[in-house]
N, C-alpha and C. Protein backbone atom coordinates (compact mmCIF):
# COMPACT_ATOMS: atom_id res chain seq x y z
N MET A 1 42.12 25.03 -62.38
CA MET A 1 41.53 23.60 -61.89
C MET A 1 42.78 22.88 -60.95
N PRO A 2 42.42 22.75 -59.75
CA PRO A 2 43.97 22.21 -59.11
C PRO A 2 44.33 21.03 -59.42
N PHE A 3 45.58 20.15 -59.28
CA PHE A 3 45.91 19.23 -59.70
C PHE A 3 45.48 18.28 -59.84
N GLN A 4 45.46 17.39 -60.79
CA GLN A 4 44.62 15.93 -60.88
C GLN A 4 45.56 14.93 -61.34
N PRO A 5 45.68 13.86 -60.80
CA PRO A 5 46.85 12.96 -61.31
C PRO A 5 46.62 12.25 -62.52
N ASP A 6 46.82 11.95 -63.49
CA ASP A 6 46.43 11.27 -64.54
C ASP A 6 46.99 9.82 -64.44
N ASP A 7 47.01 8.83 -65.34
CA ASP A 7 47.21 7.16 -65.24
C ASP A 7 48.99 6.93 -65.44
N ILE A 8 49.61 8.28 -65.58
CA ILE A 8 50.93 8.03 -65.84
C ILE A 8 51.56 8.42 -64.31
N ASP A 9 50.82 9.42 -63.64
CA ASP A 9 51.04 9.72 -62.45
C ASP A 9 51.14 8.60 -61.46
N ILE A 10 49.60 8.10 -61.49
CA ILE A 10 49.58 6.92 -60.52
C ILE A 10 49.94 5.61 -60.88
N ALA A 11 50.57 5.34 -61.94
CA ALA A 11 51.31 4.29 -62.49
C ALA A 11 53.01 4.48 -61.17
N ILE A 12 53.36 5.64 -61.66
CA ILE A 12 54.85 5.82 -60.82
C ILE A 12 54.35 5.98 -59.22
N ILE A 13 53.48 6.12 -58.70
CA ILE A 13 53.31 6.36 -57.38
C ILE A 13 53.19 4.64 -56.90
N GLU A 14 52.06 3.92 -58.12
CA GLU A 14 51.92 2.47 -57.44
C GLU A 14 53.74 1.81 -57.42
N SER A 15 54.05 2.20 -58.56
CA SER A 15 55.67 1.74 -58.45
C SER A 15 56.30 1.65 -57.59
N LEU A 16 56.81 3.14 -56.82
CA LEU A 16 57.28 3.50 -55.66
C LEU A 16 56.75 2.95 -54.54
N ILE A 17 55.41 3.24 -54.49
CA ILE A 17 55.05 2.17 -53.25
C ILE A 17 55.26 0.77 -52.91
N LYS A 18 55.45 0.09 -53.88
CA LYS A 18 55.61 -1.39 -54.67
C LYS A 18 57.27 -1.37 -53.85
N ASP A 19 58.19 -0.21 -54.56
CA ASP A 19 59.55 -0.45 -54.07
C ASP A 19 59.91 0.79 -54.24
N GLY A 20 59.95 2.10 -53.42
CA GLY A 20 60.57 2.94 -53.36
C GLY A 20 62.38 3.14 -53.79
N ARG A 21 62.83 2.06 -54.06
CA ARG A 21 64.34 2.19 -54.33
C ARG A 21 64.65 2.04 -55.75
N LYS A 22 63.39 1.87 -56.46
CA LYS A 22 63.10 2.03 -58.17
C LYS A 22 64.14 3.12 -58.17
N SER A 23 64.98 2.97 -59.38
CA SER A 23 65.53 3.96 -60.61
C SER A 23 64.24 4.42 -61.15
N PHE A 24 64.23 5.95 -61.61
CA PHE A 24 63.67 6.21 -62.68
C PHE A 24 63.87 5.54 -64.13
N ARG A 25 64.69 4.87 -64.29
CA ARG A 25 64.53 3.83 -65.69
C ARG A 25 63.99 2.63 -65.17
N GLN A 26 63.98 2.06 -63.90
CA GLN A 26 63.51 0.96 -63.82
C GLN A 26 61.98 1.19 -63.91
N ILE A 27 61.46 2.12 -63.37
CA ILE A 27 59.99 2.54 -63.41
C ILE A 27 59.68 2.95 -65.04
N SER A 28 60.30 3.69 -65.50
CA SER A 28 60.09 3.95 -67.07
C SER A 28 59.84 2.46 -67.59
N ARG A 29 60.63 1.72 -67.59
CA ARG A 29 60.56 0.31 -68.39
C ARG A 29 58.99 -0.75 -67.86
N GLU A 30 59.00 -0.23 -66.72
CA GLU A 30 57.96 -0.89 -66.13
C GLU A 30 56.57 -0.56 -66.37
N ILE A 31 56.45 0.92 -66.71
CA ILE A 31 55.08 1.56 -67.16
C ILE A 31 55.34 1.91 -68.70
N LYS A 32 56.09 1.50 -69.21
CA LYS A 32 56.12 1.80 -70.64
C LYS A 32 56.06 3.58 -71.24
N VAL A 33 56.78 4.22 -70.35
CA VAL A 33 57.09 5.67 -71.17
C VAL A 33 58.57 5.79 -70.70
N SER A 34 59.05 7.20 -71.30
CA SER A 34 60.48 7.46 -71.17
C SER A 34 60.99 7.84 -69.56
N THR A 35 62.36 7.82 -69.80
CA THR A 35 62.85 7.96 -68.44
C THR A 35 62.78 9.49 -67.89
N PRO A 36 62.85 10.48 -68.92
CA PRO A 36 62.78 11.64 -68.60
C PRO A 36 61.18 12.43 -68.22
N THR A 37 60.61 11.50 -68.93
CA THR A 37 59.02 11.72 -68.21
C THR A 37 58.63 11.36 -67.17
N VAL A 38 59.13 10.06 -66.45
CA VAL A 38 59.00 9.65 -65.27
C VAL A 38 60.12 10.66 -64.47
N GLN A 39 61.19 11.03 -64.48
CA GLN A 39 61.49 12.02 -63.63
C GLN A 39 60.83 13.24 -63.19
N ALA A 40 60.22 13.75 -64.52
CA ALA A 40 59.75 15.27 -64.75
C ALA A 40 58.24 14.90 -64.22
N ARG A 41 57.58 13.89 -64.33
CA ARG A 41 56.38 13.65 -63.21
C ARG A 41 56.55 13.75 -61.99
N TYR A 42 57.65 12.82 -61.51
CA TYR A 42 57.98 12.52 -59.88
C TYR A 42 58.50 13.78 -59.39
N GLU A 43 59.49 14.70 -60.04
CA GLU A 43 59.36 16.11 -59.39
C GLU A 43 58.48 17.06 -59.34
N ARG A 44 57.14 16.97 -60.42
CA ARG A 44 55.83 17.43 -60.10
C ARG A 44 55.27 17.20 -59.19
N LEU A 45 54.89 15.54 -58.64
CA LEU A 45 54.57 14.82 -57.51
C LEU A 45 55.17 15.54 -56.46
N VAL A 46 56.31 15.77 -56.96
CA VAL A 46 57.37 16.50 -54.90
C VAL A 46 56.84 17.75 -54.71
N ASN A 47 56.59 18.78 -55.99
CA ASN A 47 56.47 19.58 -55.91
C ASN A 47 55.45 20.38 -55.73
N VAL A 48 54.30 19.59 -55.80
CA VAL A 48 52.98 20.13 -55.68
C VAL A 48 52.39 19.32 -54.26
N GLY A 49 53.35 18.79 -53.59
CA GLY A 49 53.15 17.88 -52.23
C GLY A 49 52.59 16.74 -52.27
N LEU A 50 52.26 16.31 -53.13
CA LEU A 50 51.84 14.57 -53.15
C LEU A 50 52.60 13.59 -52.76
N ILE A 51 53.99 13.70 -52.99
CA ILE A 51 54.90 13.05 -52.51
C ILE A 51 55.64 13.41 -51.35
N LYS A 52 55.66 13.07 -50.48
CA LYS A 52 56.64 13.89 -49.25
C LYS A 52 57.96 13.58 -48.86
N SER A 53 57.93 11.84 -49.08
CA SER A 53 59.16 11.24 -49.15
C SER A 53 59.25 9.99 -49.40
N VAL A 54 60.16 9.16 -49.74
CA VAL A 54 60.16 7.68 -49.98
C VAL A 54 60.89 7.17 -49.06
N SER A 55 60.26 6.49 -47.71
CA SER A 55 61.04 5.89 -46.68
C SER A 55 61.03 4.47 -46.74
N PRO A 56 62.10 4.11 -46.11
CA PRO A 56 62.39 2.76 -45.73
C PRO A 56 61.53 1.75 -45.01
N ILE A 57 61.00 0.82 -45.42
CA ILE A 57 60.60 -0.24 -44.24
C ILE A 57 61.33 -1.34 -43.82
N ILE A 58 61.71 -1.16 -42.45
CA ILE A 58 62.65 -1.86 -41.79
C ILE A 58 61.90 -3.10 -41.29
N ASP A 59 62.97 -4.50 -41.16
CA ASP A 59 62.26 -5.63 -41.26
C ASP A 59 62.87 -5.63 -39.56
N LEU A 60 62.17 -5.45 -38.43
CA LEU A 60 62.68 -5.84 -37.68
C LEU A 60 63.16 -7.06 -37.33
N GLY A 61 62.43 -8.27 -37.77
CA GLY A 61 62.41 -9.27 -37.26
C GLY A 61 64.21 -9.94 -37.87
N MET A 62 65.13 -9.08 -38.56
CA MET A 62 66.22 -9.17 -38.69
C MET A 62 67.15 -9.07 -37.71
N LEU A 63 66.82 -7.77 -36.89
CA LEU A 63 67.62 -7.62 -35.87
C LEU A 63 68.16 -7.95 -34.98
N GLU A 64 69.07 -8.19 -33.97
CA GLU A 64 69.26 -8.36 -32.94
C GLU A 64 68.48 -7.68 -31.63
N VAL A 65 68.09 -8.21 -30.49
CA VAL A 65 67.32 -7.66 -29.66
C VAL A 65 67.62 -5.98 -29.16
N LYS A 66 69.04 -5.87 -28.61
CA LYS A 66 69.50 -4.41 -28.71
C LYS A 66 68.93 -3.58 -29.75
N THR A 67 69.52 -3.80 -30.71
CA THR A 67 69.15 -3.06 -31.98
C THR A 67 67.75 -2.77 -31.90
N GLU A 68 66.74 -4.02 -31.94
CA GLU A 68 65.83 -3.81 -32.04
C GLU A 68 64.94 -3.01 -31.66
N LYS A 69 65.29 -2.81 -30.19
CA LYS A 69 64.20 -1.55 -29.27
C LYS A 69 65.11 -0.49 -29.65
N HIS A 70 65.95 0.18 -30.07
CA HIS A 70 66.13 1.29 -31.08
C HIS A 70 65.79 1.70 -32.01
N PHE A 71 65.28 0.92 -32.91
CA PHE A 71 64.40 0.90 -33.84
C PHE A 71 62.80 0.66 -33.69
N GLU A 72 62.52 0.19 -32.30
CA GLU A 72 61.13 0.12 -32.51
C GLU A 72 61.05 1.85 -31.96
N ASN A 73 61.67 2.25 -31.29
CA ASN A 73 61.38 3.91 -31.01
C ASN A 73 61.53 4.49 -32.13
N ILE A 74 62.02 4.22 -33.22
CA ILE A 74 62.21 5.15 -34.38
C ILE A 74 60.60 4.66 -35.06
N LYS A 75 60.17 3.51 -35.21
CA LYS A 75 58.88 2.71 -35.65
C LYS A 75 57.71 3.28 -35.40
N THR A 76 57.47 3.97 -34.26
CA THR A 76 56.26 4.64 -33.37
C THR A 76 56.60 5.81 -33.71
N LYS A 77 57.53 6.63 -33.87
CA LYS A 77 57.42 8.18 -34.82
C LYS A 77 57.17 7.87 -35.89
N SER A 78 57.37 7.19 -36.86
CA SER A 78 57.16 7.21 -37.86
C SER A 78 55.60 7.24 -38.49
N ILE A 79 55.45 7.67 -39.70
CA ILE A 79 54.19 7.74 -40.43
C ILE A 79 53.49 6.45 -40.82
N LYS A 80 52.27 5.84 -40.02
CA LYS A 80 51.39 4.75 -40.34
C LYS A 80 51.41 4.65 -41.79
N LYS A 81 51.31 3.32 -42.53
CA LYS A 81 51.00 2.71 -43.60
C LYS A 81 49.39 3.26 -43.90
N HIS A 82 49.01 4.20 -44.97
CA HIS A 82 47.31 4.11 -45.36
C HIS A 82 47.43 3.10 -46.87
N ASP A 83 46.18 2.68 -46.34
CA ASP A 83 45.38 1.86 -47.53
C ASP A 83 44.61 2.91 -48.27
N VAL A 84 45.06 3.68 -49.07
CA VAL A 84 44.19 4.71 -49.94
C VAL A 84 44.47 4.26 -51.52
N LYS A 85 43.80 4.19 -51.98
CA LYS A 85 43.49 3.71 -54.07
C LYS A 85 44.02 4.98 -54.63
N ILE A 86 44.89 5.58 -55.15
CA ILE A 86 44.71 6.54 -55.67
C ILE A 86 44.47 6.50 -57.24
N THR A 87 43.37 7.42 -57.38
CA THR A 87 43.19 7.19 -58.72
C THR A 87 42.70 8.53 -59.35
N LYS A 88 42.70 8.62 -60.86
CA LYS A 88 42.76 9.90 -61.45
C LYS A 88 41.62 10.67 -61.68
N ASP A 89 40.18 10.18 -60.60
CA ASP A 89 39.50 11.07 -60.37
C ASP A 89 39.71 11.77 -59.31
N MET A 90 40.72 11.96 -58.20
CA MET A 90 41.45 12.39 -57.31
C MET A 90 41.75 13.78 -57.85
N ILE A 91 41.49 14.58 -56.91
CA ILE A 91 41.92 16.42 -57.07
C ILE A 91 42.48 16.31 -55.57
N LEU A 92 44.01 17.30 -55.69
CA LEU A 92 44.75 17.36 -55.24
C LEU A 92 44.73 18.70 -54.63
N LYS A 93 44.11 19.00 -53.39
CA LYS A 93 43.85 20.45 -52.74
C LYS A 93 45.23 20.87 -52.48
N MET A 94 45.44 22.03 -53.41
CA MET A 94 46.66 22.77 -53.27
C MET A 94 46.51 24.27 -53.14
N THR A 95 47.51 24.54 -52.18
CA THR A 95 47.54 26.09 -51.23
C THR A 95 48.39 26.91 -51.67
N CYS A 96 48.17 28.12 -51.73
CA CYS A 96 49.07 29.02 -52.30
C CYS A 96 50.44 29.21 -51.87
N ASP A 97 52.04 29.18 -52.23
CA ASP A 97 52.98 29.50 -51.62
C ASP A 97 53.11 30.41 -51.02
N LEU A 98 52.54 31.69 -51.12
CA LEU A 98 52.42 32.73 -50.64
C LEU A 98 51.78 32.92 -49.71
N CYS A 99 50.34 33.46 -49.74
CA CYS A 99 49.07 33.27 -49.45
C CYS A 99 48.57 32.36 -48.30
N LYS A 100 49.10 30.97 -48.48
CA LYS A 100 48.74 29.92 -47.73
C LYS A 100 47.05 29.55 -48.16
N GLY A 101 46.49 30.16 -49.07
CA GLY A 101 44.97 30.10 -49.54
C GLY A 101 45.04 29.01 -50.60
N PRO A 102 43.58 27.90 -50.27
CA PRO A 102 43.53 27.40 -51.35
C PRO A 102 43.52 27.89 -52.85
N ILE A 103 43.80 26.87 -54.00
CA ILE A 103 44.09 27.40 -55.19
C ILE A 103 43.16 26.78 -55.93
N SER A 104 41.89 27.51 -56.31
CA SER A 104 40.67 26.78 -56.61
C SER A 104 40.56 26.44 -58.11
N ASP A 105 41.56 27.24 -59.23
CA ASP A 105 41.13 27.21 -60.56
C ASP A 105 42.67 26.59 -61.04
N LYS A 106 43.04 26.94 -61.96
CA LYS A 106 44.32 26.53 -62.37
C LYS A 106 45.50 27.15 -62.04
N PRO A 107 46.40 26.44 -61.27
CA PRO A 107 47.66 27.28 -60.26
C PRO A 107 48.17 28.43 -61.37
N HIS A 108 48.59 28.93 -61.14
CA HIS A 108 49.68 30.15 -61.65
C HIS A 108 50.94 29.91 -61.39
N VAL A 109 51.80 29.29 -62.13
CA VAL A 109 53.37 28.20 -61.45
C VAL A 109 54.29 29.32 -61.81
N LEU A 110 55.27 29.48 -60.71
CA LEU A 110 56.47 29.96 -61.08
C LEU A 110 57.77 28.96 -61.31
N LYS A 111 58.49 28.90 -61.87
CA LYS A 111 59.70 27.74 -61.90
C LYS A 111 61.15 28.35 -61.87
N ILE A 112 61.79 27.92 -60.48
CA ILE A 112 62.63 28.50 -60.39
C ILE A 112 63.91 27.60 -60.40
N ALA A 113 64.60 27.15 -60.97
CA ALA A 113 65.59 26.09 -61.41
C ALA A 113 65.06 24.80 -61.28
N ASN A 114 64.99 24.00 -60.36
CA ASN A 114 64.32 22.47 -60.63
C ASN A 114 63.19 22.70 -59.99
N PHE A 115 62.54 23.81 -59.28
CA PHE A 115 61.32 23.76 -58.51
C PHE A 115 60.56 24.69 -58.92
N GLU A 116 59.45 24.13 -58.54
CA GLU A 116 57.62 24.87 -58.94
C GLU A 116 57.37 25.44 -57.62
N ARG A 117 56.74 26.57 -57.65
CA ARG A 117 55.96 27.38 -57.04
C ARG A 117 54.71 27.10 -57.26
N PHE A 118 53.64 27.25 -56.50
CA PHE A 118 52.24 27.60 -57.10
C PHE A 118 51.37 28.44 -56.18
N PHE A 119 50.66 29.38 -57.11
CA PHE A 119 50.14 30.53 -56.31
C PHE A 119 48.67 30.43 -57.11
N CYS A 120 48.09 31.02 -56.01
CA CYS A 120 46.28 31.47 -56.31
C CYS A 120 46.04 32.43 -57.67
N CYS A 121 46.72 33.31 -57.58
CA CYS A 121 46.70 34.65 -58.32
C CYS A 121 47.99 35.03 -59.13
N THR A 122 47.79 35.83 -59.69
CA THR A 122 49.18 36.46 -60.58
C THR A 122 49.80 37.32 -59.65
N SER A 123 49.22 38.08 -58.49
CA SER A 123 49.66 38.80 -57.69
C SER A 123 50.46 38.46 -56.51
N CYS A 124 49.67 37.48 -56.37
CA CYS A 124 50.49 36.62 -55.05
C CYS A 124 52.02 35.69 -55.86
N ARG A 125 51.91 35.47 -57.04
CA ARG A 125 53.27 35.12 -57.94
C ARG A 125 54.44 36.21 -57.82
N SER A 126 53.45 37.52 -58.21
CA SER A 126 54.68 38.92 -58.48
C SER A 126 54.99 39.32 -57.02
N LEU A 127 54.01 39.04 -55.75
CA LEU A 127 54.50 39.26 -54.68
C LEU A 127 55.77 38.90 -54.16
N TYR A 128 55.48 37.09 -54.58
CA TYR A 128 56.23 36.01 -54.15
C TYR A 128 57.88 36.53 -54.65
N LYS A 129 57.80 36.77 -56.69
CA LYS A 129 59.13 36.70 -56.97
C LYS A 129 59.73 38.04 -56.46
N GLU A 130 58.87 39.16 -55.96
CA GLU A 130 59.54 40.39 -55.51
C GLU A 130 60.01 40.09 -54.03
N LYS A 131 59.55 38.69 -53.28
CA LYS A 131 60.16 39.16 -52.07
C LYS A 131 61.07 38.04 -51.91
N TYR A 132 61.23 37.29 -52.63
CA TYR A 132 62.49 36.16 -52.75
C TYR A 132 63.79 36.31 -53.89
N LYS A 133 63.06 37.78 -54.24
CA LYS A 133 64.10 38.11 -55.92
C LYS A 133 65.57 37.66 -55.62
N GLY A 134 66.26 38.18 -54.83
CA GLY A 134 67.92 37.57 -54.10
C GLY A 134 68.10 35.92 -54.39
N ARG A 135 67.11 35.10 -53.52
CA ARG A 135 67.54 33.90 -53.60
C ARG A 135 66.78 33.32 -54.89
N ILE A 136 65.73 33.91 -55.76
CA ILE A 136 65.52 33.55 -57.27
C ILE A 136 66.60 33.19 -58.04
N GLU A 137 67.28 34.64 -57.86
CA GLU A 137 68.55 35.10 -58.97
C GLU A 137 69.55 34.01 -58.47
N THR A 138 70.00 33.80 -57.45
CA THR A 138 70.86 32.83 -57.14
C THR A 138 70.49 31.31 -57.61
N LEU A 139 69.42 30.90 -57.58
CA LEU A 139 69.42 29.53 -57.88
C LEU A 139 69.29 29.69 -59.13
N ASN A 140 68.81 30.38 -59.88
CA ASN A 140 68.47 30.44 -61.30
C ASN A 140 70.29 30.55 -62.30
N GLN A 141 71.01 30.89 -61.25
CA GLN A 141 72.43 30.99 -61.51
C GLN A 141 72.98 29.63 -61.97
N GLU A 142 72.80 28.76 -60.57
CA GLU A 142 73.34 27.62 -60.39
C GLU A 142 73.17 26.63 -61.69
């Protein structure tokens, strides 16, 4: 089964939507789970691709006219805000990190240092390990 966020994942996402500058400790106090749990869940949400970035929201009214024009150009290039309610009923569509095909069942996970890679089958996971053997060994030594 593909990744399905639970109540803790949703609480972390909602907390970051309110204020992306919060520390893991602040989020843990807010949602009443441990700090390591928040950190592990956040890293998993990043690894599966649900969280792409935590971006600043700039108040253009606080800037002078010259600076405001520069930031207006940046603003038009940035991602638009989406009003989407994330629930635990949602399922994240995952793609294999090797063949880019859909992962329809439970993903086969390869943990490398602080990263997780997701595969549709054991053969893709094995081929990935063989293809990137040198890089994986280097990352695991650090």
